[in-house]
Amino acid sequence: MSNHDVVLCRSFGNEPLVRVVWSITDEGILICGQDSLDLSKQAQSDAVPVLAPFEAIYEYDKDLFPQLDKAFRNFGDHSPELEQLWQHARPYPYRIAAENKVDIK
């Protein structure tokens, strides 16, 4: 695990998002949109890394993400279906990735 890993993010609205690890800090994980690493594709909203709490970041699962996204769109942000699917997400092993940690203070 390292910088630029693709991860699942559980947003504050419980929406599943696919993001990229920019850096690991003592306060959380800096994440950004996948196109942020390619200057020719950068979208304004995804270009700046955002600090996410450790517990909101999961290992990317190409099979789980579409299910999470569908449940979010069909049943809403606090549905039992969505909560049940989030239980299958594996926490991102940030302690292993912390060798690339920076201090943003």
PDB file of N, CA and C in Angstrom:
ATOM      1  N   MET A   1       0.836  -1.174   0.000  1.00  0.00           N
ATOM      2  CA  MET A   1       0.000   0.000   0.000  1.00  0.00           C
ATOM      3  C   MET A   1       0.886   1.244   0.000  1.00  0.00           C
ATOM      4  N   SER A   2       0.500   2.219  -0.816  1.00  0.00           N
ATOM      5  CA  SER A   2       1.338   3.405  -0.915  1.00  0.00           C
ATOM      6  C   SER A   2       0.551   4.562  -1.499  1.00  0.00           C
ATOM      7  N   ASN A   3       1.240   5.700  -1.638  1.00  0.00           N
ATOM      8  CA  ASN A   3       0.624   6.840  -2.305  1.00  0.00           C
ATOM      9  C   ASN A   3       0.124   6.388  -3.671  1.00  0.00           C
ATOM     10  N   HIS A   4      -0.960   6.964  -4.078  1.00  0.00           N
ATOM     11  CA  HIS A   4      -1.595   6.723  -5.369  1.00  0.00           C
ATOM     12  C   HIS A   4      -2.356   5.407  -5.432  1.00  0.00           C
ATOM     13  N   ASP A   5      -2.573   4.752  -4.291  1.00  0.00           N
ATOM     14  CA  ASP A   5      -3.461   3.595  -4.268  1.00  0.00           C
ATOM     15  C   ASP A   5      -4.874   4.060  -4.583  1.00  0.00           C
ATOM     16  N   VAL A   6      -5.607   3.264  -5.336  1.00  0.00           N
ATOM     17  CA  VAL A   6      -7.029   3.522  -5.560  1.00  0.00           C
ATOM     18  C   VAL A   6      -7.767   2.932  -4.370  1.00  0.00           C
ATOM     19  N   VAL A   7      -8.677   3.715  -3.788  1.00  0.00           N
ATOM     20  CA  VAL A   7      -9.391   3.299  -2.580  1.00  0.00           C
ATOM     21  C   VAL A   7     -10.883   3.620  -2.708  1.00  0.00           C
ATOM     22  N   LEU A   8     -11.660   2.994  -1.837  1.00  0.00           N
ATOM     23  CA  LEU A   8     -13.067   3.352  -1.663  1.00  0.00           C
ATOM     24  C   LEU A   8     -13.140   4.344  -0.517  1.00  0.00           C
ATOM     25  N   CYS A   9     -13.960   5.351  -0.682  1.00  0.00           N
ATOM     26  CA  CYS A   9     -14.169   6.334   0.375  1.00  0.00           C
ATOM     27  C   CYS A   9     -15.645   6.345   0.736  1.00  0.00           C
ATOM     28  N   ARG A  10     -15.925   6.293   2.018  1.00  0.00           N
ATOM     29  CA  ARG A  10     -17.292   6.424   2.509  1.00  0.00           C
ATOM     30  C   ARG A  10     -17.475   7.898   2.874  1.00  0.00           C
ATOM     31  N   SER A  11     -18.150   8.628   1.979  1.00  0.00           N
ATOM     32  CA  SER A  11     -18.276  10.075   2.159  1.00  0.00           C
ATOM     33  C   SER A  11     -19.149  10.408   3.363  1.00  0.00           C
ATOM     34  N   PHE A  12     -19.138  11.689   3.746  1.00  0.00           N
ATOM     35  CA  PHE A  12     -19.944  12.123   4.886  1.00  0.00           C
ATOM     36  C   PHE A  12     -21.421  11.864   4.647  1.00  0.00           C
ATOM     37  N   GLY A  13     -21.856  11.840   3.397  1.00  0.00           N
ATOM     38  CA  GLY A  13     -23.239  11.529   3.058  1.00  0.00           C
ATOM     39  C   GLY A  13     -23.460  10.051   2.817  1.00  0.00           C
ATOM     40  N   ASN A  14     -22.479   9.220   3.183  1.00  0.00           N
ATOM     41  CA  ASN A  14     -22.538   7.767   3.043  1.00  0.00           C
ATOM     42  C   ASN A  14     -22.435   7.308   1.586  1.00  0.00           C
ATOM     43  N   GLU A  15     -22.110   8.243   0.684  1.00  0.00           N
ATOM     44  CA  GLU A  15     -21.969   7.885  -0.722  1.00  0.00           C
ATOM     45  C   GLU A  15     -20.624   7.204  -0.949  1.00  0.00           C
ATOM     46  N   PRO A  16     -20.622   6.076  -1.668  1.00  0.00           N
ATOM     47  CA  PRO A  16     -19.351   5.433  -1.998  1.00  0.00           C
ATOM     48  C   PRO A  16     -18.662   6.182  -3.130  1.00  0.00           C
ATOM     49  N   LEU A  17     -17.386   6.470  -2.941  1.00  0.00           N
ATOM     50  CA  LEU A  17     -16.602   7.187  -3.947  1.00  0.00           C
ATOM     51  C   LEU A  17     -15.305   6.429  -4.207  1.00  0.00           C
ATOM     52  N   VAL A  18     -14.811   6.497  -5.429  1.00  0.00           N
ATOM     53  CA  VAL A  18     -13.502   5.939  -5.754  1.00  0.00           C
ATOM     54  C   VAL A  18     -12.533   7.109  -5.777  1.00  0.00           C
ATOM     55  N   ARG A  19     -11.480   7.009  -4.994  1.00  0.00           N
ATOM     56  CA  ARG A  19     -10.497   8.075  -4.891  1.00  0.00           C
ATOM     57  C   ARG A  19      -9.089   7.489  -4.915  1.00  0.00           C
ATOM     58  N   VAL A  20      -8.099   8.368  -4.911  1.00  0.00           N
ATOM     59  CA  VAL A  20      -6.689   7.977  -4.903  1.00  0.00           C
ATOM     60  C   VAL A  20      -6.048   8.533  -3.649  1.00  0.00           C
ATOM     61  N   VAL A  21      -5.209   7.730  -3.009  1.00  0.00           N
ATOM     62  CA  VAL A  21      -4.456   8.195  -1.835  1.00  0.00           C
ATOM     63  C   VAL A  21      -3.376   9.150  -2.318  1.00  0.00           C
ATOM     64  N   TRP A  22      -3.424  10.366  -1.792  1.00  0.00           N
ATOM     65  CA  TRP A  22      -2.396  11.363  -2.105  1.00  0.00           C
ATOM     66  C   TRP A  22      -1.257  11.239  -1.102  1.00  0.00           C
ATOM     67  N   SER A  23      -1.650  11.102   0.190  1.00  0.00           N
ATOM     68  CA  SER A  23      -0.656  11.010   1.246  1.00  0.00           C
ATOM     69  C   SER A  23      -1.325  10.555   2.543  1.00  0.00           C
ATOM     70  N   ILE A  24      -0.518  10.033   3.449  1.00  0.00           N
ATOM     71  CA  ILE A  24      -0.975   9.629   4.783  1.00  0.00           C
ATOM     72  C   ILE A  24      -0.422  10.648   5.773  1.00  0.00           C
ATOM     73  N   THR A  25      -1.278  11.155   6.644  1.00  0.00           N
ATOM     74  CA  THR A  25      -0.840  12.103   7.669  1.00  0.00           C
ATOM     75  C   THR A  25      -1.199  11.546   9.040  1.00  0.00           C
ATOM     76  N   ASP A  26      -0.795  12.234  10.084  1.00  0.00           N
ATOM     77  CA  ASP A  26      -1.187  11.830  11.439  1.00  0.00           C
ATOM     78  C   ASP A  26      -2.682  12.018  11.670  1.00  0.00           C
ATOM     79  N   GLU A  27      -3.291  12.939  10.925  1.00  0.00           N
ATOM     80  CA  GLU A  27      -4.699  13.289  11.124  1.00  0.00           C
ATOM     81  C   GLU A  27      -5.661  12.472  10.270  1.00  0.00           C
ATOM     82  N   GLY A  28      -5.177  11.863   9.204  1.00  0.00           N
ATOM     83  CA  GLY A  28      -6.047  11.113   8.309  1.00  0.00           C
ATOM     84  C   GLY A  28      -5.345  10.844   6.992  1.00  0.00           C
ATOM     85  N   ILE A  29      -6.137  10.562   5.977  1.00  0.00           N
ATOM     86  CA  ILE A  29      -5.604  10.217   4.662  1.00  0.00           C
ATOM     87  C   ILE A  29      -6.030  11.283   3.662  1.00  0.00           C
ATOM     88  N   LEU A  30      -5.057  11.876   2.997  1.00  0.00           N
ATOM     89  CA  LEU A  30      -5.360  12.842   1.943  1.00  0.00           C
ATOM     90  C   LEU A  30      -5.723  12.073   0.682  1.00  0.00           C
ATOM     91  N   ILE A  31      -6.917  12.338   0.158  1.00  0.00           N
ATOM     92  CA  ILE A  31      -7.397  11.652  -1.039  1.00  0.00           C
ATOM     93  C   ILE A  31      -7.779  12.679  -2.095  1.00  0.00           C
ATOM     94  N   CYS A  32      -7.794  12.239  -3.346  1.00  0.00           N
ATOM     95  CA  CYS A  32      -8.200  13.120  -4.446  1.00  0.00           C
ATOM     96  C   CYS A  32      -8.833  12.258  -5.535  1.00  0.00           C
ATOM     97  N   GLY A  33      -9.421  12.926  -6.514  1.00  0.00           N
ATOM     98  CA  GLY A  33     -10.008  12.223  -7.641  1.00  0.00           C
ATOM     99  C   GLY A  33      -8.939  11.535  -8.467  1.00  0.00           C
ATOM    100  N   GLN A  34      -9.314  10.480  -9.155  1.00  0.00           N
ATOM    101  CA  GLN A  34      -8.353   9.708  -9.936  1.00  0.00           C
ATOM    102  C   GLN A  34      -7.683  10.541 -11.021  1.00  0.00           C
ATOM    103  N   ASP A  35      -8.376  11.500 -11.582  1.00  0.00           N
ATOM    104  CA  ASP A  35      -7.802  12.311 -12.652  1.00  0.00           C
ATOM    105  C   ASP A  35      -6.849  13.381 -12.135  1.00  0.00           C
ATOM    106  N   SER A  36      -6.763  13.543 -10.824  1.00  0.00           N
ATOM    107  CA  SER A  36      -5.868  14.552 -10.251  1.00  0.00           C
ATOM    108  C   SER A  36      -4.408  14.282 -10.568  1.00  0.00           C
ATOM    109  N   LEU A  37      -4.071  13.041 -10.817  1.00  0.00           N
ATOM    110  CA  LEU A  37      -2.687  12.679 -11.098  1.00  0.00           C
ATOM    111  C   LEU A  37      -2.314  12.940 -12.557  1.00  0.00           C
ATOM    112  N   ASP A  38      -3.338  13.157 -13.393  1.00  0.00           N
ATOM    113  CA  ASP A  38      -3.113  13.435 -14.812  1.00  0.00           C
ATOM    114  C   ASP A  38      -3.547  14.876 -15.078  1.00  0.00           C
ATOM    115  N   LEU A  39      -2.588  15.776 -15.203  1.00  0.00           N
ATOM    116  CA  LEU A  39      -2.896  17.204 -15.349  1.00  0.00           C
ATOM    117  C   LEU A  39      -3.785  17.499 -16.551  1.00  0.00           C
ATOM    118  N   SER A  40      -3.744  16.663 -17.581  1.00  0.00           N
ATOM    119  CA  SER A  40      -4.572  16.912 -18.756  1.00  0.00           C
ATOM    120  C   SER A  40      -6.037  16.586 -18.519  1.00  0.00           C
ATOM    121  N   LYS A  41      -6.339  15.825 -17.441  1.00  0.00           N
ATOM    122  CA  LYS A  41      -7.715  15.416 -17.158  1.00  0.00           C
ATOM    123  C   LYS A  41      -8.272  16.004 -15.865  1.00  0.00           C
ATOM    124  N   GLN A  42      -7.495  16.831 -15.194  1.00  0.00           N
ATOM    125  CA  GLN A  42      -7.906  17.341 -13.885  1.00  0.00           C
ATOM    126  C   GLN A  42      -9.224  18.089 -13.940  1.00  0.00           C
ATOM    127  N   ALA A  43     -10.126  17.690 -13.061  1.00  0.00           N
ATOM    128  CA  ALA A  43     -11.367  18.427 -12.852  1.00  0.00           C
ATOM    129  C   ALA A  43     -11.134  19.353 -11.668  1.00  0.00           C
ATOM    130  N   GLN A  44     -11.695  20.535 -11.724  1.00  0.00           N
ATOM    131  CA  GLN A  44     -11.475  21.535 -10.673  1.00  0.00           C
ATOM    132  C   GLN A  44     -11.789  20.982  -9.290  1.00  0.00           C
ATOM    133  N   SER A  45     -12.904  20.267  -9.131  1.00  0.00           N
ATOM    134  CA  SER A  45     -13.337  19.811  -7.812  1.00  0.00           C
ATOM    135  C   SER A  45     -12.481  18.683  -7.248  1.00  0.00           C
ATOM    136  N   ASP A  46     -11.834  17.908  -8.083  1.00  0.00           N
ATOM    137  CA  ASP A  46     -11.043  16.774  -7.616  1.00  0.00           C
ATOM    138  C   ASP A  46      -9.554  17.061  -7.549  1.00  0.00           C
ATOM    139  N   ALA A  47      -9.138  18.244  -7.967  1.00  0.00           N
ATOM    140  CA  ALA A  47      -7.714  18.541  -8.082  1.00  0.00           C
ATOM    141  C   ALA A  47      -7.029  18.735  -6.735  1.00  0.00           C
ATOM    142  N   VAL A  48      -7.746  19.205  -5.740  1.00  0.00           N
ATOM    143  CA  VAL A  48      -7.163  19.478  -4.432  1.00  0.00           C
ATOM    144  C   VAL A  48      -7.425  18.289  -3.506  1.00  0.00           C
ATOM    145  N   PRO A  49      -6.381  17.730  -2.905  1.00  0.00           N
ATOM    146  CA  PRO A  49      -6.589  16.621  -1.966  1.00  0.00           C
ATOM    147  C   PRO A  49      -7.432  17.047  -0.767  1.00  0.00           C
ATOM    148  N   VAL A  50      -8.235  16.117  -0.283  1.00  0.00           N
ATOM    149  CA  VAL A  50      -9.120  16.341   0.858  1.00  0.00           C
ATOM    150  C   VAL A  50      -8.716  15.374   1.956  1.00  0.00           C
ATOM    151  N   LEU A  51      -8.719  15.846   3.200  1.00  0.00           N
ATOM    152  CA  LEU A  51      -8.363  14.996   4.333  1.00  0.00           C
ATOM    153  C   LEU A  51      -9.587  14.188   4.769  1.00  0.00           C
ATOM    154  N   ALA A  52      -9.460  12.878   4.717  1.00  0.00           N
ATOM    155  CA  ALA A  52     -10.536  11.979   5.139  1.00  0.00           C
ATOM    156  C   ALA A  52     -10.103  11.230   6.397  1.00  0.00           C
ATOM    157  N   PRO A  53     -11.047  10.954   7.289  1.00  0.00           N
ATOM    158  CA  PRO A  53     -10.681  10.175   8.472  1.00  0.00           C
ATOM    159  C   PRO A  53     -10.271   8.753   8.078  1.00  0.00           C
ATOM    160  N   PHE A  54      -9.376   8.166   8.846  1.00  0.00           N
ATOM    161  CA  PHE A  54      -8.891   6.821   8.557  1.00  0.00           C
ATOM    162  C   PHE A  54     -10.034   5.830   8.379  1.00  0.00           C
ATOM    163  N   GLU A  55     -11.052   5.938   9.239  1.00  0.00           N
ATOM    164  CA  GLU A  55     -12.147   4.964   9.232  1.00  0.00           C
ATOM    165  C   GLU A  55     -13.086   5.104   8.030  1.00  0.00           C
ATOM    166  N   ALA A  56     -12.892   6.122   7.211  1.00  0.00           N
ATOM    167  CA  ALA A  56     -13.736   6.322   6.026  1.00  0.00           C
ATOM    168  C   ALA A  56     -13.095   5.784   4.750  1.00  0.00           C
ATOM    169  N   ILE A  57     -11.889   5.224   4.853  1.00  0.00           N
ATOM    170  CA  ILE A  57     -11.160   4.766   3.673  1.00  0.00           C
ATOM    171  C   ILE A  57     -11.021   3.245   3.706  1.00  0.00           C
ATOM    172  N   TYR A  58     -11.333   2.639   2.565  1.00  0.00           N
ATOM    173  CA  TYR A  58     -11.325   1.181   2.436  1.00  0.00           C
ATOM    174  C   TYR A  58     -10.506   0.763   1.215  1.00  0.00           C
ATOM    175  N   GLU A  59     -10.059  -0.470   1.223  1.00  0.00           N
ATOM    176  CA  GLU A  59      -9.384  -1.013   0.049  1.00  0.00           C
ATOM    177  C   GLU A  59     -10.377  -0.999  -1.117  1.00  0.00           C
ATOM    178  N   TYR A  60      -9.884  -0.677  -2.299  1.00  0.00           N
ATOM    179  CA  TYR A  60     -10.748  -0.678  -3.472  1.00  0.00           C
ATOM    180  C   TYR A  60     -11.138  -2.112  -3.806  1.00  0.00           C
ATOM    181  N   ASP A  61     -12.422  -2.305  -4.084  1.00  0.00           N
ATOM    182  CA  ASP A  61     -12.954  -3.614  -4.457  1.00  0.00           C
ATOM    183  C   ASP A  61     -13.808  -3.406  -5.694  1.00  0.00           C
ATOM    184  N   LYS A  62     -13.323  -3.876  -6.832  1.00  0.00           N
ATOM    185  CA  LYS A  62     -14.009  -3.621  -8.105  1.00  0.00           C
ATOM    186  C   LYS A  62     -15.372  -4.285  -8.173  1.00  0.00           C
ATOM    187  N   ASP A  63     -15.609  -5.312  -7.388  1.00  0.00           N
ATOM    188  CA  ASP A  63     -16.920  -5.968  -7.361  1.00  0.00           C
ATOM    189  C   ASP A  63     -17.871  -5.294  -6.383  1.00  0.00           C
ATOM    190  N   LEU A  64     -17.348  -4.820  -5.278  1.00  0.00           N
ATOM    191  CA  LEU A  64     -18.184  -4.206  -4.247  1.00  0.00           C
ATOM    192  C   LEU A  64     -18.629  -2.795  -4.617  1.00  0.00           C
ATOM    193  N   PHE A  65     -17.752  -2.011  -5.242  1.00  0.00           N
ATOM    194  CA  PHE A  65     -18.106  -0.620  -5.527  1.00  0.00           C
ATOM    195  C   PHE A  65     -19.398  -0.479  -6.330  1.00  0.00           C
ATOM    196  N   PRO A  66     -19.607  -1.217  -7.423  1.00  0.00           N
ATOM    197  CA  PRO A  66     -20.868  -1.048  -8.159  1.00  0.00           C
ATOM    198  C   PRO A  66     -22.100  -1.393  -7.317  1.00  0.00           C
ATOM    199  N   GLN A  67     -21.954  -2.357  -6.426  1.00  0.00           N
ATOM    200  CA  GLN A  67     -23.070  -2.718  -5.547  1.00  0.00           C
ATOM    201  C   GLN A  67     -23.371  -1.592  -4.557  1.00  0.00           C
ATOM    202  N   LEU A  68     -22.308  -1.026  -3.982  1.00  0.00           N
ATOM    203  CA  LEU A  68     -22.475   0.104  -3.060  1.00  0.00           C
ATOM    204  C   LEU A  68     -23.129   1.287  -3.776  1.00  0.00           C
ATOM    205  N   ASP A  69     -22.632   1.597  -4.959  1.00  0.00           N
ATOM    206  CA  ASP A  69     -23.151   2.726  -5.727  1.00  0.00           C
ATOM    207  C   ASP A  69     -24.626   2.528  -6.070  1.00  0.00           C
ATOM    208  N   LYS A  70     -24.970   1.333  -6.498  1.00  0.00           N
ATOM    209  CA  LYS A  70     -26.368   1.027  -6.846  1.00  0.00           C
ATOM    210  C   LYS A  70     -27.273   1.140  -5.618  1.00  0.00           C
ATOM    211  N   ALA A  71     -26.816   0.595  -4.487  1.00  0.00           N
ATOM    212  CA  ALA A  71     -27.623   0.668  -3.256  1.00  0.00           C
ATOM    213  C   ALA A  71     -27.792   2.113  -2.809  1.00  0.00           C
ATOM    214  N   PHE A  72     -26.749   2.923  -2.917  1.00  0.00           N
ATOM    215  CA  PHE A  72     -26.840   4.332  -2.542  1.00  0.00           C
ATOM    216  C   PHE A  72     -27.862   5.051  -3.419  1.00  0.00           C
ATOM    217  N   ARG A  73     -27.797   4.822  -4.715  1.00  0.00           N
ATOM    218  CA  ARG A  73     -28.688   5.516  -5.658  1.00  0.00           C
ATOM    219  C   ARG A  73     -30.131   5.020  -5.581  1.00  0.00           C
ATOM    220  N   ASN A  74     -30.313   3.724  -5.301  1.00  0.00           N
ATOM    221  CA  ASN A  74     -31.666   3.153  -5.274  1.00  0.00           C
ATOM    222  C   ASN A  74     -32.363   3.254  -3.927  1.00  0.00           C
ATOM    223  N   PHE A  75     -31.588   3.163  -2.837  1.00  0.00           N
ATOM    224  CA  PHE A  75     -32.214   3.072  -1.519  1.00  0.00           C
ATOM    225  C   PHE A  75     -31.914   4.246  -0.596  1.00  0.00           C
ATOM    226  N   GLY A  76     -30.931   5.061  -0.936  1.00  0.00           N
ATOM    227  CA  GLY A  76     -30.630   6.222  -0.106  1.00  0.00           C
ATOM    228  C   GLY A  76     -29.456   6.008   0.817  1.00  0.00           C
ATOM    229  N   ASP A  77     -29.059   7.114   1.448  1.00  0.00           N
ATOM    230  CA  ASP A  77     -27.818   7.118   2.221  1.00  0.00           C
ATOM    231  C   ASP A  77     -27.867   6.387   3.552  1.00  0.00           C
ATOM    232  N   HIS A  78     -29.041   6.111   4.091  1.00  0.00           N
ATOM    233  CA  HIS A  78     -29.114   5.426   5.391  1.00  0.00           C
ATOM    234  C   HIS A  78     -29.908   4.128   5.302  1.00  0.00           C
ATOM    235  N   SER A  79     -29.917   3.520   4.137  1.00  0.00           N
ATOM    236  CA  SER A  79     -30.688   2.292   3.955  1.00  0.00           C
ATOM    237  C   SER A  79     -29.979   1.093   4.573  1.00  0.00           C
ATOM    238  N   PRO A  80     -30.746   0.120   5.059  1.00  0.00           N
ATOM    239  CA  PRO A  80     -30.134  -1.108   5.584  1.00  0.00           C
ATOM    240  C   PRO A  80     -29.322  -1.842   4.517  1.00  0.00           C
ATOM    241  N   GLU A  81     -29.770  -1.769   3.268  1.00  0.00           N
ATOM    242  CA  GLU A  81     -29.054  -2.432   2.174  1.00  0.00           C
ATOM    243  C   GLU A  81     -27.637  -1.868   2.023  1.00  0.00           C
ATOM    244  N   LEU A  82     -27.544  -0.543   2.065  1.00  0.00           N
ATOM    245  CA  LEU A  82     -26.246   0.103   1.930  1.00  0.00           C
ATOM    246  C   LEU A  82     -25.354  -0.209   3.134  1.00  0.00           C
ATOM    247  N   GLU A  83     -25.910  -0.135   4.321  1.00  0.00           N
ATOM    248  CA  GLU A  83     -25.140  -0.439   5.533  1.00  0.00           C
ATOM    249  C   GLU A  83     -24.608  -1.866   5.506  1.00  0.00           C
ATOM    250  N   GLN A  84     -25.425  -2.792   5.048  1.00  0.00           N
ATOM    251  CA  GLN A  84     -25.006  -4.187   4.978  1.00  0.00           C
ATOM    252  C   GLN A  84     -23.838  -4.352   3.997  1.00  0.00           C
ATOM    253  N   LEU A  85     -23.906  -3.677   2.867  1.00  0.00           N
ATOM    254  CA  LEU A  85     -22.817  -3.755   1.900  1.00  0.00           C
ATOM    255  C   LEU A  85     -21.521  -3.144   2.442  1.00  0.00           C
ATOM    256  N   TRP A  86     -21.630  -2.026   3.165  1.00  0.00           N
ATOM    257  CA  TRP A  86     -20.422  -1.407   3.734  1.00  0.00           C
ATOM    258  C   TRP A  86     -19.723  -2.365   4.701  1.00  0.00           C
ATOM    259  N   GLN A  87     -20.463  -3.291   5.301  1.00  0.00           N
ATOM    260  CA  GLN A  87     -19.849  -4.257   6.219  1.00  0.00           C
ATOM    261  C   GLN A  87     -18.854  -5.178   5.506  1.00  0.00           C
ATOM    262  N   HIS A  88     -18.980  -5.291   4.184  1.00  0.00           N
ATOM    263  CA  HIS A  88     -18.072  -6.144   3.402  1.00  0.00           C
ATOM    264  C   HIS A  88     -16.799  -5.417   2.977  1.00  0.00           C
ATOM    265  N   ALA A  89     -16.766  -4.105   3.144  1.00  0.00           N
ATOM    266  CA  ALA A  89     -15.586  -3.327   2.745  1.00  0.00           C
ATOM    267  C   ALA A  89     -14.446  -3.578   3.727  1.00  0.00           C
ATOM    268  N   ARG A  90     -13.254  -3.754   3.182  1.00  0.00           N
ATOM    269  CA  ARG A  90     -12.068  -3.984   4.007  1.00  0.00           C
ATOM    270  C   ARG A  90     -11.371  -2.656   4.283  1.00  0.00           C
ATOM    271  N   PRO A  91     -11.139  -2.336   5.561  1.00  0.00           N
ATOM    272  CA  PRO A  91     -10.454  -1.075   5.894  1.00  0.00           C
ATOM    273  C   PRO A  91      -9.112  -0.975   5.175  1.00  0.00           C
ATOM    274  N   TYR A  92      -8.800   0.232   4.749  1.00  0.00           N
ATOM    275  CA  TYR A  92      -7.518   0.489   4.086  1.00  0.00           C
ATOM    276  C   TYR A  92      -6.403   0.351   5.118  1.00  0.00           C
ATOM    277  N   PRO A  93      -5.376  -0.450   4.823  1.00  0.00           N
ATOM    278  CA  PRO A  93      -4.292  -0.667   5.795  1.00  0.00           C
ATOM    279  C   PRO A  93      -3.319   0.511   5.835  1.00  0.00           C
ATOM    280  N   TYR A  94      -3.799   1.626   6.357  1.00  0.00           N
ATOM    281  CA  TYR A  94      -3.007   2.859   6.347  1.00  0.00           C
ATOM    282  C   TYR A  94      -1.734   2.755   7.182  1.00  0.00           C
ATOM    283  N   ARG A  95      -1.720   1.891   8.164  1.00  0.00           N
ATOM    284  CA  ARG A  95      -0.495   1.757   8.968  1.00  0.00           C
ATOM    285  C   ARG A  95       0.645   1.208   8.120  1.00  0.00           C
ATOM    286  N   ILE A  96       0.324   0.319   7.207  1.00  0.00           N
ATOM    287  CA  ILE A  96       1.334  -0.214   6.301  1.00  0.00           C
ATOM    288  C   ILE A  96       1.771   0.881   5.341  1.00  0.00           C
ATOM    289  N   ALA A  97       0.812   1.677   4.878  1.00  0.00           N
ATOM    290  CA  ALA A  97       1.105   2.735   3.921  1.00  0.00           C
ATOM    291  C   ALA A  97       1.746   3.952   4.574  1.00  0.00           C
ATOM    292  N   ALA A  98       1.765   4.005   5.881  1.00  0.00           N
ATOM    293  CA  ALA A  98       2.239   5.194   6.589  1.00  0.00           C
ATOM    294  C   ALA A  98       3.724   5.492   6.362  1.00  0.00           C
ATOM    295  N   GLU A  99       4.443   4.584   5.758  1.00  0.00           N
ATOM    296  CA  GLU A  99       5.849   4.868   5.457  1.00  0.00           C
ATOM    297  C   GLU A  99       5.973   6.064   4.512  1.00  0.00           C
ATOM    298  N   ASN A 100       4.876   6.411   3.824  1.00  0.00           N
ATOM    299  CA  ASN A 100       4.863   7.556   2.910  1.00  0.00           C
ATOM    300  C   ASN A 100       4.196   8.775   3.548  1.00  0.00           C
ATOM    301  N   LYS A 101       4.037   8.732   4.858  1.00  0.00           N
ATOM    302  CA  LYS A 101       3.339   9.766   5.610  1.00  0.00           C
ATOM    303  C   LYS A 101       4.054  11.112   5.561  1.00  0.00           C
ATOM    304  N   VAL A 102       3.252  12.200   5.562  1.00  0.00           N
ATOM    305  CA  VAL A 102       3.788  13.552   5.678  1.00  0.00           C
ATOM    306  C   VAL A 102       3.051  14.279   6.787  1.00  0.00           C
ATOM    307  N   ASP A 103       3.646  15.301   7.291  1.00  0.00           N
ATOM    308  CA  ASP A 103       3.017  16.149   8.310  1.00  0.00           C
ATOM    309  C   ASP A 103       2.529  17.408   7.616  1.00  0.00           C
ATOM    310  N   ILE A 104       1.200  17.675   7.692  1.00  0.00           N
ATOM    311  CA  ILE A 104       0.642  18.823   6.979  1.00  0.00           C
ATOM    312  C   ILE A 104       0.527  20.066   7.857  1.00  0.00           C
ATOM    313  N   LYS A 105       1.066  20.019   9.043  1.00  0.00           N
ATOM    314  CA  LYS A 105       0.976  21.174   9.942  1.00  0.00           C
ATOM    315  C   LYS A 105       1.913  22.268   9.510  1.00  0.00           C
TER     316      LYS A 105
END
